[in-house]
Amino acid sequence: MTATAGNVRDRVHLLDFHRLIHQSRTLIRVDRTLPAHCPARITRHGTRRMLLVAPGLSVAERAAFLDTALKAETR
């Protein structure tokens, strides 16, 4: 994969992540205190959903975690 293809893929993940956040009305916070075995978690802030993520988590990983959490809520 070339550097350009990698950049395009990263931008697509970033746009998908922002679209998902906007549609689900989710707040995002970077939490440096999350343990290594739990790099992200979903919680509530009042009536809104909040995604807490570790600083090293990639955009694709954040999107996958949020997508999984949203699917679990609808069951």
N, C-alpha and C. Protein backbone atom coordinates (compact mmCIF):
# COMPACT_ATOMS: atom_id res chain seq x y z
N MET A 1 0.84 -1.17 0.00
CA MET A 1 0.00 0.00 0.00
C MET A 1 0.89 1.24 0.00
N THR A 2 0.56 2.17 -0.81
CA THR A 2 1.34 3.41 -0.88
C THR A 2 0.92 4.35 0.25
N ALA A 3 1.73 5.36 0.47
CA ALA A 3 1.42 6.34 1.52
C ALA A 3 0.12 7.07 1.20
N THR A 4 -0.12 7.34 -0.07
CA THR A 4 -1.34 8.04 -0.46
C THR A 4 -2.57 7.18 -0.16
N ALA A 5 -2.50 5.91 -0.48
CA ALA A 5 -3.62 5.01 -0.20
C ALA A 5 -3.88 4.92 1.30
N GLY A 6 -2.83 4.90 2.09
CA GLY A 6 -2.97 4.88 3.54
C GLY A 6 -3.62 6.14 4.06
N ASN A 7 -3.24 7.29 3.51
CA ASN A 7 -3.85 8.55 3.93
C ASN A 7 -5.33 8.61 3.57
N VAL A 8 -5.67 8.11 2.38
CA VAL A 8 -7.07 8.10 1.95
C VAL A 8 -7.88 7.19 2.88
N ARG A 9 -7.34 6.02 3.19
CA ARG A 9 -8.03 5.09 4.08
C ARG A 9 -8.25 5.73 5.46
N ASP A 10 -7.23 6.40 5.99
CA ASP A 10 -7.35 7.06 7.29
C ASP A 10 -8.41 8.17 7.25
N ARG A 11 -8.45 8.91 6.17
CA ARG A 11 -9.45 9.99 6.06
C ARG A 11 -10.86 9.42 5.96
N VAL A 12 -11.02 8.30 5.27
CA VAL A 12 -12.33 7.66 5.17
C VAL A 12 -12.78 7.19 6.55
N HIS A 13 -11.87 6.58 7.32
CA HIS A 13 -12.21 6.15 8.68
C HIS A 13 -12.60 7.36 9.53
N LEU A 14 -11.87 8.45 9.41
CA LEU A 14 -12.16 9.64 10.18
C LEU A 14 -13.54 10.22 9.83
N LEU A 15 -13.86 10.29 8.55
CA LEU A 15 -15.17 10.79 8.13
C LEU A 15 -16.30 9.88 8.60
N ASP A 16 -16.09 8.57 8.51
CA ASP A 16 -17.10 7.61 8.99
C ASP A 16 -17.31 7.77 10.49
N PHE A 17 -16.22 7.96 11.22
CA PHE A 17 -16.30 8.12 12.67
C PHE A 17 -17.07 9.39 13.03
N HIS A 18 -16.78 10.50 12.36
CA HIS A 18 -17.49 11.74 12.64
C HIS A 18 -18.98 11.65 12.28
N ARG A 19 -19.29 10.96 11.20
CA ARG A 19 -20.69 10.77 10.81
C ARG A 19 -21.41 9.94 11.86
N LEU A 20 -20.78 8.87 12.32
CA LEU A 20 -21.37 7.99 13.32
C LEU A 20 -21.61 8.74 14.64
N ILE A 21 -20.66 9.56 15.04
CA ILE A 21 -20.78 10.34 16.27
C ILE A 21 -21.92 11.34 16.16
N HIS A 22 -22.00 12.01 15.03
CA HIS A 22 -23.05 13.01 14.83
C HIS A 22 -24.43 12.36 14.83
N GLN A 23 -24.58 11.26 14.13
CA GLN A 23 -25.88 10.58 14.05
C GLN A 23 -26.31 10.00 15.39
N SER A 24 -25.36 9.52 16.18
CA SER A 24 -25.71 8.90 17.46
C SER A 24 -25.73 9.89 18.61
N ARG A 25 -25.41 11.15 18.33
CA ARG A 25 -25.38 12.21 19.35
C ARG A 25 -24.52 11.79 20.55
N THR A 26 -23.30 11.39 20.26
CA THR A 26 -22.38 10.90 21.28
C THR A 26 -21.29 11.92 21.54
N LEU A 27 -20.98 12.13 22.81
CA LEU A 27 -19.85 12.97 23.21
C LEU A 27 -18.59 12.11 23.24
N ILE A 28 -17.45 12.69 22.90
CA ILE A 28 -16.18 11.96 22.91
C ILE A 28 -15.23 12.64 23.90
N ARG A 29 -14.58 11.83 24.71
CA ARG A 29 -13.58 12.35 25.65
C ARG A 29 -12.36 11.44 25.62
N VAL A 30 -11.19 12.04 25.64
CA VAL A 30 -9.95 11.27 25.77
C VAL A 30 -9.67 11.13 27.27
N ASP A 31 -9.54 9.89 27.72
CA ASP A 31 -9.33 9.61 29.14
C ASP A 31 -7.99 8.90 29.30
N ARG A 32 -7.03 9.58 29.86
CA ARG A 32 -5.69 9.02 30.03
C ARG A 32 -5.61 8.01 31.18
N THR A 33 -6.68 7.88 31.96
CA THR A 33 -6.66 6.96 33.11
C THR A 33 -7.22 5.59 32.79
N LEU A 34 -7.68 5.36 31.54
CA LEU A 34 -8.21 4.05 31.19
C LEU A 34 -7.09 3.01 31.22
N PRO A 35 -7.36 1.82 31.77
CA PRO A 35 -6.33 0.78 31.81
C PRO A 35 -6.06 0.20 30.42
N ALA A 36 -4.93 -0.45 30.27
CA ALA A 36 -4.53 -1.00 28.96
C ALA A 36 -5.49 -2.07 28.46
N HIS A 37 -6.11 -2.83 29.36
CA HIS A 37 -7.02 -3.90 28.94
C HIS A 37 -8.41 -3.37 28.56
N CYS A 38 -8.65 -2.07 28.77
CA CYS A 38 -9.94 -1.46 28.45
C CYS A 38 -9.70 -0.09 27.80
N PRO A 39 -9.34 -0.05 26.52
CA PRO A 39 -8.95 1.22 25.89
C PRO A 39 -10.10 2.16 25.58
N ALA A 40 -11.35 1.70 25.73
CA ALA A 40 -12.50 2.57 25.49
C ALA A 40 -13.69 2.03 26.26
N ARG A 41 -14.60 2.95 26.61
CA ARG A 41 -15.84 2.50 27.25
C ARG A 41 -16.93 3.54 27.00
N ILE A 42 -18.16 3.05 27.09
CA ILE A 42 -19.34 3.90 26.90
C ILE A 42 -19.95 4.17 28.27
N THR A 43 -20.33 5.41 28.49
CA THR A 43 -21.01 5.79 29.72
C THR A 43 -22.06 6.83 29.37
N ARG A 44 -22.72 7.38 30.35
CA ARG A 44 -23.74 8.41 30.13
C ARG A 44 -23.30 9.70 30.78
N HIS A 45 -23.62 10.81 30.14
CA HIS A 45 -23.40 12.14 30.69
C HIS A 45 -24.74 12.84 30.61
N GLY A 46 -25.51 12.77 31.69
CA GLY A 46 -26.89 13.26 31.64
C GLY A 46 -27.72 12.35 30.75
N THR A 47 -28.30 12.91 29.72
CA THR A 47 -29.10 12.11 28.79
C THR A 47 -28.32 11.69 27.55
N ARG A 48 -27.09 12.16 27.44
CA ARG A 48 -26.28 11.86 26.25
C ARG A 48 -25.32 10.70 26.51
N ARG A 49 -25.01 9.99 25.47
CA ARG A 49 -24.04 8.90 25.49
C ARG A 49 -22.65 9.53 25.41
N MET A 50 -21.68 8.97 26.13
CA MET A 50 -20.32 9.49 26.08
C MET A 50 -19.35 8.33 25.87
N LEU A 51 -18.45 8.51 24.91
CA LEU A 51 -17.42 7.52 24.60
C LEU A 51 -16.11 8.01 25.20
N LEU A 52 -15.56 7.24 26.13
CA LEU A 52 -14.26 7.54 26.71
C LEU A 52 -13.23 6.68 25.99
N VAL A 53 -12.18 7.30 25.48
CA VAL A 53 -11.17 6.57 24.71
C VAL A 53 -9.78 6.86 25.24
N ALA A 54 -8.91 5.90 25.09
CA ALA A 54 -7.50 6.08 25.44
C ALA A 54 -6.83 6.90 24.35
N PRO A 55 -5.78 7.66 24.68
CA PRO A 55 -5.13 8.53 23.70
C PRO A 55 -4.55 7.79 22.49
N GLY A 56 -4.11 6.57 22.64
CA GLY A 56 -3.46 5.86 21.54
C GLY A 56 -4.40 5.11 20.62
N LEU A 57 -5.69 5.20 20.84
CA LEU A 57 -6.65 4.45 20.04
C LEU A 57 -6.81 5.10 18.66
N SER A 58 -6.73 4.30 17.61
CA SER A 58 -6.87 4.85 16.25
C SER A 58 -8.33 5.19 15.97
N VAL A 59 -8.54 5.95 14.92
CA VAL A 59 -9.90 6.34 14.53
C VAL A 59 -10.72 5.12 14.16
N ALA A 60 -10.12 4.18 13.46
CA ALA A 60 -10.83 2.96 13.06
C ALA A 60 -11.25 2.16 14.29
N GLU A 61 -10.37 2.08 15.29
CA GLU A 61 -10.71 1.36 16.53
C GLU A 61 -11.82 2.08 17.29
N ARG A 62 -11.77 3.40 17.33
CA ARG A 62 -12.83 4.17 18.00
C ARG A 62 -14.17 3.94 17.31
N ALA A 63 -14.18 3.98 15.99
CA ALA A 63 -15.41 3.78 15.23
C ALA A 63 -15.96 2.37 15.45
N ALA A 64 -15.09 1.37 15.45
CA ALA A 64 -15.53 -0.01 15.66
C ALA A 64 -16.11 -0.19 17.06
N PHE A 65 -15.48 0.42 18.05
CA PHE A 65 -15.99 0.31 19.41
C PHE A 65 -17.35 0.99 19.54
N LEU A 66 -17.49 2.19 19.00
CA LEU A 66 -18.76 2.91 19.07
C LEU A 66 -19.85 2.15 18.32
N ASP A 67 -19.54 1.62 17.17
CA ASP A 67 -20.51 0.86 16.38
C ASP A 67 -20.99 -0.36 17.16
N THR A 68 -20.08 -1.08 17.79
CA THR A 68 -20.43 -2.25 18.59
C THR A 68 -21.31 -1.86 19.78
N ALA A 69 -20.96 -0.76 20.44
CA ALA A 69 -21.75 -0.30 21.59
C ALA A 69 -23.15 0.12 21.17
N LEU A 70 -23.28 0.78 20.02
CA LEU A 70 -24.59 1.19 19.54
C LEU A 70 -25.46 -0.02 19.18
N LYS A 71 -24.85 -1.03 18.56
CA LYS A 71 -25.58 -2.24 18.22
C LYS A 71 -26.05 -2.97 19.48
N ALA A 72 -25.21 -2.97 20.52
CA ALA A 72 -25.57 -3.63 21.78
C ALA A 72 -26.73 -2.91 22.47
N GLU A 73 -26.81 -1.60 22.32
CA GLU A 73 -27.91 -0.83 22.93
C GLU A 73 -29.25 -1.12 22.28
N THR A 74 -29.24 -1.42 20.99
CA THR A 74 -30.49 -1.62 20.26
C THR A 74 -31.05 -3.04 20.43
N ARG A 75 -30.32 -3.92 21.04
CA ARG A 75 -30.81 -5.30 21.23
C ARG A 75 -31.84 -5.35 22.32
